[in-house]
Amino acid sequence: MPKTIVIDARAHMLGRLASVVAKQILSGYQIVIVRCEEVSISGGLVRQKSKYERFLRKKHNTNPTRAGAWHYRAPSRIFWRTVRGMVPHKTARGAAALERLKCFEGVPPPYDRVKRLVVPDALQVLHLQHGHRFCKLGALAQSVGWKHQD
């Protein structure tokens, strides 16, 4: 397979970028996503925050204090979980595909000197109509409890 593909997630739509990435990691590519906090989500921040808080309230039915779903707050983990929903992660093939995906906030040192690509099928300027509301994943993450934004 070819070398690692580094994608700059700034100004990309969340679901569109995640679907392209899911297809590529299932095909065998090594994908690195940088600047996950700059991914855009269609819809305003208030609406997205209420949807995410509804997700945060989901707990285990028989023992809600101890067990339940993991609710990630970091933008890189939110993006990773979005991709996981598009991959058959409970099979060996899907688990191996998720191992080929790395997500980061910002641009960490090994990838700051590498050419970063964009995905035209997921760019916000091409796929979000003018005047429609959107929010950044970093702003959503910070509003639901992410404490490591600069």
C-alpha atoms as a PDB file:
ATOM      1  CA  MET A   1       0.000   0.000   0.000  1.00  0.00           C
ATOM      2  CA  PRO A   2       1.110   3.601  -0.481  1.00  0.00           C
ATOM      3  CA  LYS A   3       2.636   5.737   2.227  1.00  0.00           C
ATOM      4  CA  THR A   4       0.643   7.559   4.883  1.00  0.00           C
ATOM      5  CA  ILE A   5      -1.880  10.123   3.642  1.00  0.00           C
ATOM      6  CA  VAL A   6      -2.139  13.225   5.837  1.00  0.00           C
ATOM      7  CA  ILE A   7      -5.435  15.124   5.531  1.00  0.00           C
ATOM      8  CA  ASP A   8      -5.929  18.641   6.883  1.00  0.00           C
ATOM      9  CA  ALA A   9      -9.492  18.612   8.244  1.00  0.00           C
ATOM     10  CA  ARG A  10      -9.880  22.406   8.374  1.00  0.00           C
ATOM     11  CA  ALA A  11     -13.103  23.593   6.673  1.00  0.00           C
ATOM     12  CA  HIS A  12     -14.345  20.076   5.841  1.00  0.00           C
ATOM     13  CA  MET A  13     -17.828  18.805   6.663  1.00  0.00           C
ATOM     14  CA  LEU A  14     -17.809  16.135   9.399  1.00  0.00           C
ATOM     15  CA  GLY A  15     -19.955  13.412   7.853  1.00  0.00           C
ATOM     16  CA  ARG A  16     -18.655  13.830   4.316  1.00  0.00           C
ATOM     17  CA  LEU A  17     -15.013  13.681   5.406  1.00  0.00           C
ATOM     18  CA  ALA A  18     -15.698  10.719   7.699  1.00  0.00           C
ATOM     19  CA  SER A  19     -17.315   8.713   4.883  1.00  0.00           C
ATOM     20  CA  VAL A  20     -14.378   9.306   2.538  1.00  0.00           C
ATOM     21  CA  VAL A  21     -11.910   8.363   5.284  1.00  0.00           C
ATOM     22  CA  ALA A  22     -13.888   5.219   6.177  1.00  0.00           C
ATOM     23  CA  LYS A  23     -13.811   4.054   2.566  1.00  0.00           C
ATOM     24  CA  GLN A  24     -10.063   4.672   2.320  1.00  0.00           C
ATOM     25  CA  ILE A  25      -9.075   2.881   5.532  1.00  0.00           C
ATOM     26  CA  LEU A  26     -11.205  -0.107   4.527  1.00  0.00           C
ATOM     27  CA  SER A  27      -9.284  -0.119   1.235  1.00  0.00           C
ATOM     28  CA  GLY A  28      -6.009  -0.381   3.149  1.00  0.00           C
ATOM     29  CA  TYR A  29      -4.680   3.176   3.215  1.00  0.00           C
ATOM     30  CA  GLN A  30      -2.967   4.662   6.278  1.00  0.00           C
ATOM     31  CA  ILE A  31      -4.811   7.925   7.013  1.00  0.00           C
ATOM     32  CA  VAL A  32      -3.801  10.683   9.434  1.00  0.00           C
ATOM     33  CA  ILE A  33      -6.274  13.489  10.136  1.00  0.00           C
ATOM     34  CA  VAL A  34      -4.840  16.708  11.588  1.00  0.00           C
ATOM     35  CA  ARG A  35      -6.679  19.793  12.932  1.00  0.00           C
ATOM     36  CA  CYS A  36      -9.831  17.878  13.900  1.00  0.00           C
ATOM     37  CA  GLU A  37     -10.999  20.847  15.958  1.00  0.00           C
ATOM     38  CA  GLU A  38     -11.515  22.803  12.710  1.00  0.00           C
ATOM     39  CA  VAL A  39     -14.013  20.338  11.175  1.00  0.00           C
ATOM     40  CA  SER A  40     -17.382  21.943  10.433  1.00  0.00           C
ATOM     41  CA  ILE A  41     -20.803  20.565  11.318  1.00  0.00           C
ATOM     42  CA  SER A  42     -23.907  21.852   9.555  1.00  0.00           C
ATOM     43  CA  GLY A  43     -26.374  23.428  11.955  1.00  0.00           C
ATOM     44  CA  GLY A  44     -25.783  26.021  14.648  1.00  0.00           C
ATOM     45  CA  LEU A  45     -23.856  25.454  17.851  1.00  0.00           C
ATOM     46  CA  VAL A  46     -26.956  25.518  20.088  1.00  0.00           C
ATOM     47  CA  ARG A  47     -28.641  22.770  18.044  1.00  0.00           C
ATOM     48  CA  GLN A  48     -25.510  20.614  17.877  1.00  0.00           C
ATOM     49  CA  LYS A  49     -24.873  21.055  21.597  1.00  0.00           C
ATOM     50  CA  SER A  50     -28.402  19.921  22.479  1.00  0.00           C
ATOM     51  CA  LYS A  51     -28.033  16.864  20.217  1.00  0.00           C
ATOM     52  CA  TYR A  52     -24.680  15.959  21.797  1.00  0.00           C
ATOM     53  CA  GLU A  53     -26.015  16.466  25.327  1.00  0.00           C
ATOM     54  CA  ARG A  54     -28.865  14.084  24.487  1.00  0.00           C
ATOM     55  CA  PHE A  55     -26.171  11.567  23.503  1.00  0.00           C
ATOM     56  CA  LEU A  56     -24.280  12.249  26.756  1.00  0.00           C
ATOM     57  CA  ARG A  57     -27.359  11.308  28.790  1.00  0.00           C
ATOM     58  CA  LYS A  58     -27.384   7.769  27.370  1.00  0.00           C
ATOM     59  CA  LYS A  59     -26.349   5.273  30.047  1.00  0.00           C
ATOM     60  CA  HIS A  60     -26.465   1.565  30.689  1.00  0.00           C
ATOM     61  CA  ASN A  61     -29.979   0.362  31.469  1.00  0.00           C
ATOM     62  CA  THR A  62     -29.339  -2.103  34.294  1.00  0.00           C
ATOM     63  CA  ASN A  63     -26.603  -0.177  36.119  1.00  0.00           C
ATOM     64  CA  PRO A  64     -26.577   3.480  35.071  1.00  0.00           C
ATOM     65  CA  THR A  65     -24.046   4.546  37.689  1.00  0.00           C
ATOM     66  CA  ARG A  66     -21.249   2.230  36.633  1.00  0.00           C
ATOM     67  CA  ALA A  67     -21.607   0.978  33.073  1.00  0.00           C
ATOM     68  CA  GLY A  68     -22.545   2.549  29.775  1.00  0.00           C
ATOM     69  CA  ALA A  69     -21.239   4.083  26.601  1.00  0.00           C
ATOM     70  CA  TRP A  70     -18.015   6.055  26.481  1.00  0.00           C
ATOM     71  CA  HIS A  71     -18.701   9.676  25.623  1.00  0.00           C
ATOM     72  CA  TYR A  72     -15.618  11.284  24.153  1.00  0.00           C
ATOM     73  CA  ARG A  73     -15.207  15.040  24.469  1.00  0.00           C
ATOM     74  CA  ALA A  74     -12.036  15.635  22.425  1.00  0.00           C
ATOM     75  CA  PRO A  75     -12.624  16.607  18.770  1.00  0.00           C
ATOM     76  CA  SER A  76     -10.218  13.956  17.511  1.00  0.00           C
ATOM     77  CA  ARG A  77     -12.085  11.225  19.373  1.00  0.00           C
ATOM     78  CA  ILE A  78     -15.488  12.559  18.233  1.00  0.00           C
ATOM     79  CA  PHE A  79     -14.253  12.389  14.637  1.00  0.00           C
ATOM     80  CA  TRP A  80     -12.784   8.907  15.256  1.00  0.00           C
ATOM     81  CA  ARG A  81     -16.116   7.699  16.607  1.00  0.00           C
ATOM     82  CA  THR A  82     -17.934   9.154  13.601  1.00  0.00           C
ATOM     83  CA  VAL A  83     -15.670   7.127  11.320  1.00  0.00           C
ATOM     84  CA  ARG A  84     -16.138   4.059  13.541  1.00  0.00           C
ATOM     85  CA  GLY A  85     -19.871   4.257  12.918  1.00  0.00           C
ATOM     86  CA  MET A  86     -19.185   3.900   9.188  1.00  0.00           C
ATOM     87  CA  VAL A  87     -16.856   0.897   9.545  1.00  0.00           C
ATOM     88  CA  PRO A  88     -17.785  -2.671  10.563  1.00  0.00           C
ATOM     89  CA  HIS A  89     -15.627  -2.309  13.683  1.00  0.00           C
ATOM     90  CA  LYS A  90     -16.743  -5.568  15.292  1.00  0.00           C
ATOM     91  CA  THR A  91     -15.131  -7.651  12.549  1.00  0.00           C
ATOM     92  CA  ALA A  92     -11.422  -8.306  12.134  1.00  0.00           C
ATOM     93  CA  ARG A  93     -11.381  -6.341   8.873  1.00  0.00           C
ATOM     94  CA  GLY A  94     -13.042  -3.305  10.461  1.00  0.00           C
ATOM     95  CA  ALA A  95     -10.832  -3.388  13.558  1.00  0.00           C
ATOM     96  CA  ALA A  96      -7.737  -3.565  11.344  1.00  0.00           C
ATOM     97  CA  ALA A  97      -9.065  -0.627   9.326  1.00  0.00           C
ATOM     98  CA  LEU A  98      -9.541   1.510  12.452  1.00  0.00           C
ATOM     99  CA  GLU A  99      -5.929   0.756  13.430  1.00  0.00           C
ATOM    100  CA  ARG A 100      -4.910   2.507  10.193  1.00  0.00           C
ATOM    101  CA  LEU A 101      -6.619   5.764  11.241  1.00  0.00           C
ATOM    102  CA  LYS A 102      -5.006   8.408  13.442  1.00  0.00           C
ATOM    103  CA  CYS A 103      -6.699  11.670  14.446  1.00  0.00           C
ATOM    104  CA  PHE A 104      -5.092  14.708  16.086  1.00  0.00           C
ATOM    105  CA  GLU A 105      -5.991  18.182  17.281  1.00  0.00           C
ATOM    106  CA  GLY A 106      -3.564  20.635  15.761  1.00  0.00           C
ATOM    107  CA  VAL A 107      -0.593  19.438  13.724  1.00  0.00           C
ATOM    108  CA  PRO A 108       1.813  17.326  15.821  1.00  0.00           C
ATOM    109  CA  PRO A 109       5.556  17.323  14.997  1.00  0.00           C
ATOM    110  CA  PRO A 110       5.917  14.286  12.742  1.00  0.00           C
ATOM    111  CA  TYR A 111       3.267  15.642  10.387  1.00  0.00           C
ATOM    112  CA  ASP A 112       4.037  19.363  10.404  1.00  0.00           C
ATOM    113  CA  ARG A 113       6.655  18.937   7.657  1.00  0.00           C
ATOM    114  CA  VAL A 114       4.519  16.637   5.487  1.00  0.00           C
ATOM    115  CA  LYS A 115       2.277  17.822   2.667  1.00  0.00           C
ATOM    116  CA  ARG A 116      -1.331  17.894   3.882  1.00  0.00           C
ATOM    117  CA  LEU A 117      -4.136  17.093   1.456  1.00  0.00           C
ATOM    118  CA  VAL A 118      -7.742  18.268   1.258  1.00  0.00           C
ATOM    119  CA  VAL A 119     -10.769  16.228   0.189  1.00  0.00           C
ATOM    120  CA  PRO A 120     -12.777  18.188  -2.414  1.00  0.00           C
ATOM    121  CA  ASP A 121     -15.838  15.976  -1.858  1.00  0.00           C
ATOM    122  CA  ALA A 122     -16.025  17.182   1.750  1.00  0.00           C
ATOM    123  CA  LEU A 123     -15.078  20.869   1.578  1.00  0.00           C
ATOM    124  CA  GLN A 124     -17.428  23.208   3.385  1.00  0.00           C
ATOM    125  CA  VAL A 125     -17.228  25.910   0.730  1.00  0.00           C
ATOM    126  CA  LEU A 126     -18.529  23.457  -1.891  1.00  0.00           C
ATOM    127  CA  HIS A 127     -21.147  21.584   0.136  1.00  0.00           C
ATOM    128  CA  LEU A 128     -22.672  24.006   2.636  1.00  0.00           C
ATOM    129  CA  GLN A 129     -25.057  26.482   1.085  1.00  0.00           C
ATOM    130  CA  HIS A 130     -24.300  30.143   1.552  1.00  0.00           C
ATOM    131  CA  GLY A 131     -25.974  31.586   4.638  1.00  0.00           C
ATOM    132  CA  HIS A 132     -26.590  28.245   6.351  1.00  0.00           C
ATOM    133  CA  ARG A 133     -25.463  27.884   9.945  1.00  0.00           C
ATOM    134  CA  PHE A 134     -22.543  25.718  10.950  1.00  0.00           C
ATOM    135  CA  CYS A 135     -20.284  25.225  13.937  1.00  0.00           C
ATOM    136  CA  LYS A 136     -16.742  24.000  14.453  1.00  0.00           C
ATOM    137  CA  LEU A 137     -16.126  20.682  16.187  1.00  0.00           C
ATOM    138  CA  GLY A 138     -13.699  22.386  18.603  1.00  0.00           C
ATOM    139  CA  ALA A 139     -16.391  24.810  19.773  1.00  0.00           C
ATOM    140  CA  LEU A 140     -18.860  21.942  20.259  1.00  0.00           C
ATOM    141  CA  ALA A 141     -16.280  19.887  22.158  1.00  0.00           C
ATOM    142  CA  GLN A 142     -15.425  22.811  24.411  1.00  0.00           C
ATOM    143  CA  SER A 143     -19.097  23.425  25.175  1.00  0.00           C
ATOM    144  CA  VAL A 144     -19.620  19.797  26.270  1.00  0.00           C
ATOM    145  CA  GLY A 145     -16.541  19.510  28.457  1.00  0.00           C
ATOM    146  CA  TRP A 146     -13.287  19.390  26.443  1.00  0.00           C
ATOM    147  CA  LYS A 147     -10.739  21.210  28.576  1.00  0.00           C
ATOM    148  CA  HIS A 148      -7.611  21.221  26.413  1.00  0.00           C
ATOM    149  CA  GLN A 149      -8.309  23.864  23.813  1.00  0.00           C
ATOM    150  CA  ASP A 150      -5.553  26.482  23.542  1.00  0.00           C
END
